[in-house]
């Protein structure tokens, strides 16, 4: 065991070991302040509520949120609504991202199609997707399908724009070099363009996770009878701010969890490349 430790330590120079220690300390310091700020906000919120400086009926309080969370958990409503929202988000995210990458690939493959589609892409990207909600409800009905379609529409345009820009920014000199060696369109795409944009695609995934969740919550606001968005709307309608705050906090946790999953994919890819 001692020999193995010596060998492991010999892999790095003293300067590199010092750098790694310094990097770990910085990470711990960042985590400490992140957690500290969160606890400070919670403590201040609870204190102001107990001192009647803020109205706990309108602003709720951490203790009331915890009680509401516990009640939802015991009754089974929490997991049912979380699963409903997460399922819609994952399906909308997967379909929107996949379709966006395929459309971006098609447009890159046929440059003439970019000139035709560019104004439509610009308009669709700028158009608030909430405006399409009533049309989607009429087309798909008031159910999970319309909510997934909303999430898909939000994420697909972002995927097309980001991925297509990445494809188009690949060095023209490299493409010409491959063509000079007799490479065809397929070889250029799979050997150069696509590998060069893996990082860009992962960054698009990180954006789309949050955007898909926004699309799902927007859909749940309009038509759903389940999900975290429904709980928030219902809480607002009956003036149960505890339920609204609980729903918002659960949403924040879901957004963080899904973003972390994609971020881990990015870390894995970076480590693999190194």
C-alpha atoms as a PDB file:
ATOM      1  CA  UNK A   1       0.000   0.000   0.000  1.00  0.00           C
ATOM      2  CA  UNK A   2       2.830   2.393   0.883  1.00  0.00           C
ATOM      3  CA  UNK A   3       4.546   1.765  -2.452  1.00  0.00           C
ATOM      4  CA  UNK A   4       1.282   2.492  -4.312  1.00  0.00           C
ATOM      5  CA  UNK A   5       0.871   5.812  -2.455  1.00  0.00           C
ATOM      6  CA  UNK A   6       4.445   6.776  -3.287  1.00  0.00           C
ATOM      7  CA  UNK A   7       3.886   5.919  -6.948  1.00  0.00           C
ATOM      8  CA  UNK A   8       0.638   7.932  -7.007  1.00  0.00           C
ATOM      9  CA  UNK A   9       2.333  10.918  -5.409  1.00  0.00           C
ATOM     10  CA  UNK A  10       5.220  10.687  -7.894  1.00  0.00           C
ATOM     11  CA  UNK A  11       2.798  11.208 -10.795  1.00  0.00           C
ATOM     12  CA  UNK A  12       2.449  14.900  -9.933  1.00  0.00           C
ATOM     13  CA  UNK A  13       4.971  17.620  -9.261  1.00  0.00           C
ATOM     14  CA  UNK A  14       4.958  19.548  -5.981  1.00  0.00           C
ATOM     15  CA  UNK A  15       3.646  22.608  -7.796  1.00  0.00           C
ATOM     16  CA  UNK A  16       0.760  20.600  -9.247  1.00  0.00           C
ATOM     17  CA  UNK A  17      -0.097  19.111  -5.847  1.00  0.00           C
ATOM     18  CA  UNK A  18      -0.109  22.604  -4.318  1.00  0.00           C
ATOM     19  CA  UNK A  19      -2.351  23.811  -7.131  1.00  0.00           C
ATOM     20  CA  UNK A  20      -4.795  20.945  -6.534  1.00  0.00           C
ATOM     21  CA  UNK A  21      -4.890  21.705  -2.798  1.00  0.00           C
ATOM     22  CA  UNK A  22      -5.496  25.386  -3.515  1.00  0.00           C
ATOM     23  CA  UNK A  23      -8.237  24.476  -6.000  1.00  0.00           C
ATOM     24  CA  UNK A  24      -9.969  22.242  -3.425  1.00  0.00           C
ATOM     25  CA  UNK A  25      -9.796  25.001  -0.813  1.00  0.00           C
ATOM     26  CA  UNK A  26     -11.395  27.453  -3.241  1.00  0.00           C
ATOM     27  CA  UNK A  27     -14.162  24.972  -4.027  1.00  0.00           C
ATOM     28  CA  UNK A  28     -14.828  24.416  -0.324  1.00  0.00           C
ATOM     29  CA  UNK A  29     -14.853  28.175   0.256  1.00  0.00           C
ATOM     30  CA  UNK A  30     -17.372  28.654  -2.554  1.00  0.00           C
ATOM     31  CA  UNK A  31     -19.619  25.874  -1.198  1.00  0.00           C
ATOM     32  CA  UNK A  32     -19.381  27.341   2.306  1.00  0.00           C
ATOM     33  CA  UNK A  33     -20.537  30.776   1.146  1.00  0.00           C
ATOM     34  CA  UNK A  34     -23.258  29.319  -1.085  1.00  0.00           C
ATOM     35  CA  UNK A  35     -24.731  27.275   1.758  1.00  0.00           C
ATOM     36  CA  UNK A  36     -24.162  30.096   4.243  1.00  0.00           C
ATOM     37  CA  UNK A  37     -26.069  32.625   2.094  1.00  0.00           C
ATOM     38  CA  UNK A  38     -28.955  30.154   1.725  1.00  0.00           C
ATOM     39  CA  UNK A  39     -29.205  29.574   5.479  1.00  0.00           C
ATOM     40  CA  UNK A  40     -28.916  33.320   6.122  1.00  0.00           C
ATOM     41  CA  UNK A  41     -31.852  34.036   3.782  1.00  0.00           C
ATOM     42  CA  UNK A  42     -33.942  31.304   5.425  1.00  0.00           C
ATOM     43  CA  UNK A  43     -33.112  32.500   8.949  1.00  0.00           C
ATOM     44  CA  UNK A  44     -33.810  36.149   8.070  1.00  0.00           C
ATOM     45  CA  UNK A  45     -37.091  35.202   6.385  1.00  0.00           C
ATOM     46  CA  UNK A  46     -38.215  33.233   9.457  1.00  0.00           C
ATOM     47  CA  UNK A  47     -37.114  35.973  11.858  1.00  0.00           C
ATOM     48  CA  UNK A  48     -38.926  38.741   9.984  1.00  0.00           C
ATOM     49  CA  UNK A  49     -42.038  36.581   9.865  1.00  0.00           C
ATOM     50  CA  UNK A  50     -41.994  35.840  13.606  1.00  0.00           C
ATOM     51  CA  UNK A  51     -41.388  39.504  14.440  1.00  0.00           C
ATOM     52  CA  UNK A  52     -44.417  40.424  12.289  1.00  0.00           C
ATOM     53  CA  UNK A  53     -42.252  42.702  10.131  1.00  0.00           C
ATOM     54  CA  UNK A  54     -43.544  40.834   7.104  1.00  0.00           C
ATOM     55  CA  UNK A  55     -47.013  39.318   6.825  1.00  0.00           C
ATOM     56  CA  UNK A  56     -46.632  35.534   6.979  1.00  0.00           C
ATOM     57  CA  UNK A  57     -50.039  35.170   5.317  1.00  0.00           C
ATOM     58  CA  UNK A  58     -48.779  36.948   2.190  1.00  0.00           C
ATOM     59  CA  UNK A  59     -45.082  36.004   2.337  1.00  0.00           C
ATOM     60  CA  UNK A  60     -45.362  32.661   4.189  1.00  0.00           C
ATOM     61  CA  UNK A  61     -42.347  31.541   6.280  1.00  0.00           C
ATOM     62  CA  UNK A  62     -39.830  28.664   6.258  1.00  0.00           C
ATOM     63  CA  UNK A  63     -41.603  26.880   9.125  1.00  0.00           C
ATOM     64  CA  UNK A  64     -44.964  27.073   7.346  1.00  0.00           C
ATOM     65  CA  UNK A  65     -43.364  25.916   4.085  1.00  0.00           C
ATOM     66  CA  UNK A  66     -41.850  22.909   5.893  1.00  0.00           C
ATOM     67  CA  UNK A  67     -45.255  22.042   7.384  1.00  0.00           C
ATOM     68  CA  UNK A  68     -46.886  22.299   3.946  1.00  0.00           C
ATOM     69  CA  UNK A  69     -44.106  20.197   2.396  1.00  0.00           C
ATOM     70  CA  UNK A  70     -44.588  17.536   5.086  1.00  0.00           C
ATOM     71  CA  UNK A  71     -48.372  17.517   4.589  1.00  0.00           C
ATOM     72  CA  UNK A  72     -47.971  17.072   0.825  1.00  0.00           C
ATOM     73  CA  UNK A  73     -45.406  14.323   1.384  1.00  0.00           C
ATOM     74  CA  UNK A  74     -47.574  12.389   3.847  1.00  0.00           C
ATOM     75  CA  UNK A  75     -50.651  12.621   1.623  1.00  0.00           C
ATOM     76  CA  UNK A  76     -48.693  11.440  -1.421  1.00  0.00           C
ATOM     77  CA  UNK A  77     -49.537  14.577  -3.415  1.00  0.00           C
ATOM     78  CA  UNK A  78     -45.920  15.740  -3.492  1.00  0.00           C
ATOM     79  CA  UNK A  79     -44.461  12.752  -5.333  1.00  0.00           C
ATOM     80  CA  UNK A  80     -47.448  12.431  -7.666  1.00  0.00           C
ATOM     81  CA  UNK A  81     -47.111  16.045  -8.787  1.00  0.00           C
ATOM     82  CA  UNK A  82     -43.301  15.939  -8.946  1.00  0.00           C
ATOM     83  CA  UNK A  83     -43.347  12.785 -11.085  1.00  0.00           C
ATOM     84  CA  UNK A  84     -45.956  14.349 -13.369  1.00  0.00           C
ATOM     85  CA  UNK A  85     -43.885  17.509 -13.908  1.00  0.00           C
ATOM     86  CA  UNK A  86     -40.557  15.675 -14.259  1.00  0.00           C
ATOM     87  CA  UNK A  87     -42.001  13.234 -16.806  1.00  0.00           C
ATOM     88  CA  UNK A  88     -43.373  16.052 -18.943  1.00  0.00           C
ATOM     89  CA  UNK A  89     -40.083  17.964 -18.702  1.00  0.00           C
ATOM     90  CA  UNK A  90     -37.885  14.996 -19.641  1.00  0.00           C
ATOM     91  CA  UNK A  91     -40.077  13.993 -22.597  1.00  0.00           C
ATOM     92  CA  UNK A  92     -40.359  17.578 -23.874  1.00  0.00           C
ATOM     93  CA  UNK A  93     -36.641  18.164 -23.324  1.00  0.00           C
ATOM     94  CA  UNK A  94     -35.606  14.955 -25.128  1.00  0.00           C
ATOM     95  CA  UNK A  95     -37.955  15.453 -28.075  1.00  0.00           C
ATOM     96  CA  UNK A  96     -37.218  19.176 -28.441  1.00  0.00           C
ATOM     97  CA  UNK A  97     -33.450  18.768 -28.275  1.00  0.00           C
ATOM     98  CA  UNK A  98     -33.361  15.772 -30.627  1.00  0.00           C
ATOM     99  CA  UNK A  99     -35.658  17.425 -33.153  1.00  0.00           C
ATOM    100  CA  UNK A 100     -33.682  20.682 -32.906  1.00  0.00           C
ATOM    101  CA  UNK A 101     -30.374  18.924 -33.610  1.00  0.00           C
ATOM    102  CA  UNK A 102     -31.905  17.076 -36.584  1.00  0.00           C
ATOM    103  CA  UNK A 103     -33.321  20.301 -38.040  1.00  0.00           C
ATOM    104  CA  UNK A 104     -29.994  22.094 -37.528  1.00  0.00           C
ATOM    105  CA  UNK A 105     -28.212  19.206 -39.280  1.00  0.00           C
ATOM    106  CA  UNK A 106     -30.635  19.366 -42.221  1.00  0.00           C
ATOM    107  CA  UNK A 107     -30.202  23.132 -42.589  1.00  0.00           C
ATOM    108  CA  UNK A 108     -26.398  22.825 -42.455  1.00  0.00           C
ATOM    109  CA  UNK A 109     -26.460  19.976 -44.975  1.00  0.00           C
ATOM    110  CA  UNK A 110     -28.488  22.012 -47.457  1.00  0.00           C
ATOM    111  CA  UNK A 111     -27.221  25.638 -47.277  1.00  0.00           C
ATOM    112  CA  UNK A 112     -30.052  26.902 -49.500  1.00  0.00           C
ATOM    113  CA  UNK A 113     -32.557  25.854 -46.821  1.00  0.00           C
ATOM    114  CA  UNK A 114     -30.876  28.219 -44.341  1.00  0.00           C
ATOM    115  CA  UNK A 115     -31.634  31.235 -46.531  1.00  0.00           C
ATOM    116  CA  UNK A 116     -35.247  30.111 -46.795  1.00  0.00           C
ATOM    117  CA  UNK A 117     -35.696  29.259 -43.095  1.00  0.00           C
ATOM    118  CA  UNK A 118     -33.710  32.114 -41.482  1.00  0.00           C
ATOM    119  CA  UNK A 119     -36.559  34.680 -41.148  1.00  0.00           C
ATOM    120  CA  UNK A 120     -38.913  32.013 -39.807  1.00  0.00           C
ATOM    121  CA  UNK A 121     -36.356  30.892 -37.227  1.00  0.00           C
ATOM    122  CA  UNK A 122     -35.816  34.483 -36.097  1.00  0.00           C
ATOM    123  CA  UNK A 123     -39.563  35.088 -35.693  1.00  0.00           C
ATOM    124  CA  UNK A 124     -40.176  31.785 -33.890  1.00  0.00           C
ATOM    125  CA  UNK A 125     -37.253  32.432 -31.557  1.00  0.00           C
ATOM    126  CA  UNK A 126     -38.589  35.893 -30.637  1.00  0.00           C
ATOM    127  CA  UNK A 127     -42.244  34.805 -30.379  1.00  0.00           C
ATOM    128  CA  UNK A 128     -43.424  34.255 -26.764  1.00  0.00           C
ATOM    129  CA  UNK A 129     -44.443  30.598 -26.652  1.00  0.00           C
ATOM    130  CA  UNK A 130     -47.167  31.380 -24.095  1.00  0.00           C
ATOM    131  CA  UNK A 131     -49.081  33.052 -26.936  1.00  0.00           C
ATOM    132  CA  UNK A 132     -49.364  29.636 -28.587  1.00  0.00           C
ATOM    133  CA  UNK A 133     -50.917  28.097 -25.464  1.00  0.00           C
ATOM    134  CA  UNK A 134     -54.613  28.535 -26.434  1.00  0.00           C
ATOM    135  CA  UNK A 135     -53.952  27.144 -29.926  1.00  0.00           C
ATOM    136  CA  UNK A 136     -52.106  24.130 -28.517  1.00  0.00           C
ATOM    137  CA  UNK A 137     -54.953  23.433 -26.080  1.00  0.00           C
ATOM    138  CA  UNK A 138     -57.469  23.455 -28.948  1.00  0.00           C
ATOM    139  CA  UNK A 139     -55.256  21.187 -31.058  1.00  0.00           C
ATOM    140  CA  UNK A 140     -54.095  18.728 -28.402  1.00  0.00           C
ATOM    141  CA  UNK A 141     -56.764  19.020 -25.721  1.00  0.00           C
ATOM    142  CA  UNK A 142     -56.288  19.771 -22.030  1.00  0.00           C
ATOM    143  CA  UNK A 143     -53.832  17.053 -21.065  1.00  0.00           C
ATOM    144  CA  UNK A 144     -50.229  15.941 -20.839  1.00  0.00           C
ATOM    145  CA  UNK A 145     -49.810  15.993 -24.626  1.00  0.00           C
ATOM    146  CA  UNK A 146     -50.387  19.751 -24.877  1.00  0.00           C
ATOM    147  CA  UNK A 147     -47.955  20.426 -22.006  1.00  0.00           C
ATOM    148  CA  UNK A 148     -45.237  18.291 -23.615  1.00  0.00           C
ATOM    149  CA  UNK A 149     -45.817  20.090 -26.920  1.00  0.00           C
ATOM    150  CA  UNK A 150     -45.378  23.420 -25.130  1.00  0.00           C
ATOM    151  CA  UNK A 151     -42.052  22.263 -23.670  1.00  0.00           C
ATOM    152  CA  UNK A 152     -40.998  20.934 -27.080  1.00  0.00           C
ATOM    153  CA  UNK A 153     -41.725  24.249 -28.802  1.00  0.00           C
ATOM    154  CA  UNK A 154     -39.756  26.178 -26.208  1.00  0.00           C
ATOM    155  CA  UNK A 155     -36.666  23.956 -26.493  1.00  0.00           C
ATOM    156  CA  UNK A 156     -36.636  23.061 -30.192  1.00  0.00           C
ATOM    157  CA  UNK A 157     -36.054  26.586 -31.518  1.00  0.00           C
ATOM    158  CA  UNK A 158     -33.229  27.208 -29.027  1.00  0.00           C
ATOM    159  CA  UNK A 159     -31.646  23.904 -30.072  1.00  0.00           C
ATOM    160  CA  UNK A 160     -31.856  24.777 -33.766  1.00  0.00           C
ATOM    161  CA  UNK A 161     -30.380  28.263 -33.320  1.00  0.00           C
ATOM    162  CA  UNK A 162     -27.520  27.288 -30.984  1.00  0.00           C
ATOM    163  CA  UNK A 163     -26.505  24.060 -32.729  1.00  0.00           C
ATOM    164  CA  UNK A 164     -26.785  25.577 -36.214  1.00  0.00           C
ATOM    165  CA  UNK A 165     -24.598  28.532 -35.218  1.00  0.00           C
ATOM    166  CA  UNK A 166     -22.019  26.058 -33.913  1.00  0.00           C
ATOM    167  CA  UNK A 167     -22.124  24.049 -37.144  1.00  0.00           C
ATOM    168  CA  UNK A 168     -21.698  27.181 -39.252  1.00  0.00           C
ATOM    169  CA  UNK A 169     -18.743  28.438 -37.180  1.00  0.00           C
ATOM    170  CA  UNK A 170     -16.583  25.398 -37.920  1.00  0.00           C
ATOM    171  CA  UNK A 171     -13.392  26.525 -39.659  1.00  0.00           C
ATOM    172  CA  UNK A 172     -13.898  26.842 -43.415  1.00  0.00           C
ATOM    173  CA  UNK A 173     -10.202  26.095 -43.891  1.00  0.00           C
ATOM    174  CA  UNK A 174     -10.582  22.705 -42.201  1.00  0.00           C
ATOM    175  CA  UNK A 175     -13.598  21.898 -44.367  1.00  0.00           C
ATOM    176  CA  UNK A 176     -11.681  22.858 -47.513  1.00  0.00           C
ATOM    177  CA  UNK A 177      -8.731  20.748 -46.357  1.00  0.00           C
ATOM    178  CA  UNK A 178     -10.966  17.696 -45.950  1.00  0.00           C
ATOM    179  CA  UNK A 179     -12.519  18.315 -49.348  1.00  0.00           C
ATOM    180  CA  UNK A 180      -9.046  18.498 -50.899  1.00  0.00           C
ATOM    181  CA  UNK A 181      -8.420  14.990 -49.551  1.00  0.00           C
ATOM    182  CA  UNK A 182     -11.622  13.783 -51.197  1.00  0.00           C
ATOM    183  CA  UNK A 183     -13.934  13.800 -48.167  1.00  0.00           C
ATOM    184  CA  UNK A 184     -17.647  13.853 -48.939  1.00  0.00           C
ATOM    185  CA  UNK A 185     -20.384  15.757 -47.066  1.00  0.00           C
ATOM    186  CA  UNK A 186     -21.103  12.878 -44.718  1.00  0.00           C
ATOM    187  CA  UNK A 187     -17.460  12.436 -43.751  1.00  0.00           C
ATOM    188  CA  UNK A 188     -17.015  16.181 -43.173  1.00  0.00           C
ATOM    189  CA  UNK A 189     -20.059  16.246 -40.884  1.00  0.00           C
ATOM    190  CA  UNK A 190     -19.309  13.142 -38.813  1.00  0.00           C
ATOM    191  CA  UNK A 191     -15.521  13.541 -38.699  1.00  0.00           C
ATOM    192  CA  UNK A 192     -15.254  17.315 -38.241  1.00  0.00           C
ATOM    193  CA  UNK A 193     -18.449  19.321 -37.740  1.00  0.00           C
ATOM    194  CA  UNK A 194     -20.232  17.099 -35.224  1.00  0.00           C
ATOM    195  CA  UNK A 195     -17.170  16.291 -33.034  1.00  0.00           C
ATOM    196  CA  UNK A 196     -16.259  19.997 -32.987  1.00  0.00           C
ATOM    197  CA  UNK A 197     -19.701  20.830 -31.597  1.00  0.00           C
ATOM    198  CA  UNK A 198     -20.104  18.272 -28.808  1.00  0.00           C
ATOM    199  CA  UNK A 199     -19.333  20.956 -26.227  1.00  0.00           C
ATOM    200  CA  UNK A 200     -21.796  23.328 -27.897  1.00  0.00           C
ATOM    201  CA  UNK A 201     -24.491  20.633 -27.915  1.00  0.00           C
ATOM    202  CA  UNK A 202     -23.953  19.954 -24.207  1.00  0.00           C
ATOM    203  CA  UNK A 203     -24.223  23.696 -23.498  1.00  0.00           C
ATOM    204  CA  UNK A 204     -27.495  23.676 -25.443  1.00  0.00           C
ATOM    205  CA  UNK A 205     -28.707  20.795 -23.280  1.00  0.00           C
ATOM    206  CA  UNK A 206     -27.950  22.854 -20.159  1.00  0.00           C
ATOM    207  CA  UNK A 207     -30.058  25.716 -21.505  1.00  0.00           C
ATOM    208  CA  UNK A 208     -32.865  23.436 -22.692  1.00  0.00           C
ATOM    209  CA  UNK A 209     -33.334  21.760 -19.314  1.00  0.00           C
ATOM    210  CA  UNK A 210     -34.444  25.032 -17.787  1.00  0.00           C
ATOM    211  CA  UNK A 211     -36.389  26.150 -20.859  1.00  0.00           C
ATOM    212  CA  UNK A 212     -38.264  22.828 -21.036  1.00  0.00           C
ATOM    213  CA  UNK A 213     -39.218  23.192 -17.373  1.00  0.00           C
ATOM    214  CA  UNK A 214     -40.490  26.712 -18.117  1.00  0.00           C
ATOM    215  CA  UNK A 215     -42.584  25.327 -20.982  1.00  0.00           C
ATOM    216  CA  UNK A 216     -44.023  22.599 -18.758  1.00  0.00           C
ATOM    217  CA  UNK A 217     -44.920  24.978 -15.929  1.00  0.00           C
ATOM    218  CA  UNK A 218     -46.505  27.386 -18.417  1.00  0.00           C
ATOM    219  CA  UNK A 219     -48.598  24.519 -19.781  1.00  0.00           C
ATOM    220  CA  UNK A 220     -49.567  23.403 -16.278  1.00  0.00           C
ATOM    221  CA  UNK A 221     -50.637  26.962 -15.456  1.00  0.00           C
ATOM    222  CA  UNK A 222     -53.044  26.838 -18.398  1.00  0.00           C
ATOM    223  CA  UNK A 223     -54.544  23.354 -18.516  1.00  0.00           C
ATOM    224  CA  UNK A 224     -53.162  20.859 -16.011  1.00  0.00           C
ATOM    225  CA  UNK A 225     -54.857  19.319 -13.003  1.00  0.00           C
ATOM    226  CA  UNK A 226     -51.596  17.826 -11.773  1.00  0.00           C
ATOM    227  CA  UNK A 227     -47.991  18.901 -11.448  1.00  0.00           C
ATOM    228  CA  UNK A 228     -46.076  21.550  -9.531  1.00  0.00           C
ATOM    229  CA  UNK A 229     -47.406  24.322 -11.791  1.00  0.00           C
ATOM    230  CA  UNK A 230     -50.947  23.266 -10.943  1.00  0.00           C
ATOM    231  CA  UNK A 231     -50.164  23.380  -7.206  1.00  0.00           C
ATOM    232  CA  UNK A 232     -48.800  26.923  -7.561  1.00  0.00           C
ATOM    233  CA  UNK A 233     -51.840  28.138  -9.517  1.00  0.00           C
ATOM    234  CA  UNK A 234     -54.247  26.419  -7.130  1.00  0.00           C
ATOM    235  CA  UNK A 235     -52.451  27.906  -4.117  1.00  0.00           C
ATOM    236  CA  UNK A 236     -52.694  31.388  -5.644  1.00  0.00           C
ATOM    237  CA  UNK A 237     -56.408  30.983  -6.416  1.00  0.00           C
ATOM    238  CA  UNK A 238     -57.328  29.986  -2.842  1.00  0.00           C
ATOM    239  CA  UNK A 239     -54.770  32.387  -1.250  1.00  0.00           C
ATOM    240  CA  UNK A 240     -52.620  29.586   0.199  1.00  0.00           C
ATOM    241  CA  UNK A 241     -49.247  31.281  -0.081  1.00  0.00           C
ATOM    242  CA  UNK A 242     -47.617  28.434   1.841  1.00  0.00           C
ATOM    243  CA  UNK A 243     -48.526  26.104  -1.017  1.00  0.00           C
ATOM    244  CA  UNK A 244     -47.289  28.605  -3.609  1.00  0.00           C
ATOM    245  CA  UNK A 245     -43.932  29.052  -1.847  1.00  0.00           C
ATOM    246  CA  UNK A 246     -43.561  25.287  -1.410  1.00  0.00           C
ATOM    247  CA  UNK A 247     -44.205  24.743  -5.103  1.00  0.00           C
ATOM    248  CA  UNK A 248     -41.656  27.399  -6.064  1.00  0.00           C
ATOM    249  CA  UNK A 249     -38.997  25.863  -3.790  1.00  0.00           C
ATOM    250  CA  UNK A 250     -39.671  22.363  -5.178  1.00  0.00           C
ATOM    251  CA  UNK A 251     -39.368  23.789  -8.708  1.00  0.00           C
ATOM    252  CA  UNK A 252     -36.043  25.364  -7.806  1.00  0.00           C
ATOM    253  CA  UNK A 253     -34.761  22.035  -6.526  1.00  0.00           C
ATOM    254  CA  UNK A 254     -35.953  20.206  -9.661  1.00  0.00           C
ATOM    255  CA  UNK A 255     -34.276  22.776 -11.908  1.00  0.00           C
ATOM    256  CA  UNK A 256     -31.027  22.431  -9.949  1.00  0.00           C
ATOM    257  CA  UNK A 257     -31.161  18.607 -10.014  1.00  0.00           C
ATOM    258  CA  UNK A 258     -31.783  18.370 -13.767  1.00  0.00           C
ATOM    259  CA  UNK A 259     -29.164  21.011 -14.548  1.00  0.00           C
ATOM    260  CA  UNK A 260     -26.652  19.126 -12.359  1.00  0.00           C
ATOM    261  CA  UNK A 261     -27.252  15.925 -14.337  1.00  0.00           C
ATOM    262  CA  UNK A 262     -26.407  17.683 -17.606  1.00  0.00           C
ATOM    263  CA  UNK A 263     -23.426  19.446 -15.983  1.00  0.00           C
ATOM    264  CA  UNK A 264     -22.070  16.040 -14.923  1.00  0.00           C
ATOM    265  CA  UNK A 265     -22.332  14.898 -18.540  1.00  0.00           C
ATOM    266  CA  UNK A 266     -20.278  17.936 -19.520  1.00  0.00           C
ATOM    267  CA  UNK A 267     -17.662  17.180 -16.843  1.00  0.00           C
ATOM    268  CA  UNK A 268     -17.450  13.565 -17.995  1.00  0.00           C
ATOM    269  CA  UNK A 269     -16.938  14.683 -21.607  1.00  0.00           C
ATOM    270  CA  UNK A 270     -14.227  17.214 -20.632  1.00  0.00           C
ATOM    271  CA  UNK A 271     -12.369  14.641 -18.530  1.00  0.00           C
ATOM    272  CA  UNK A 272     -12.627  12.094 -21.338  1.00  0.00           C
ATOM    273  CA  UNK A 273     -11.187  14.565 -23.845  1.00  0.00           C
ATOM    274  CA  UNK A 274      -8.275  15.352 -21.541  1.00  0.00           C
END
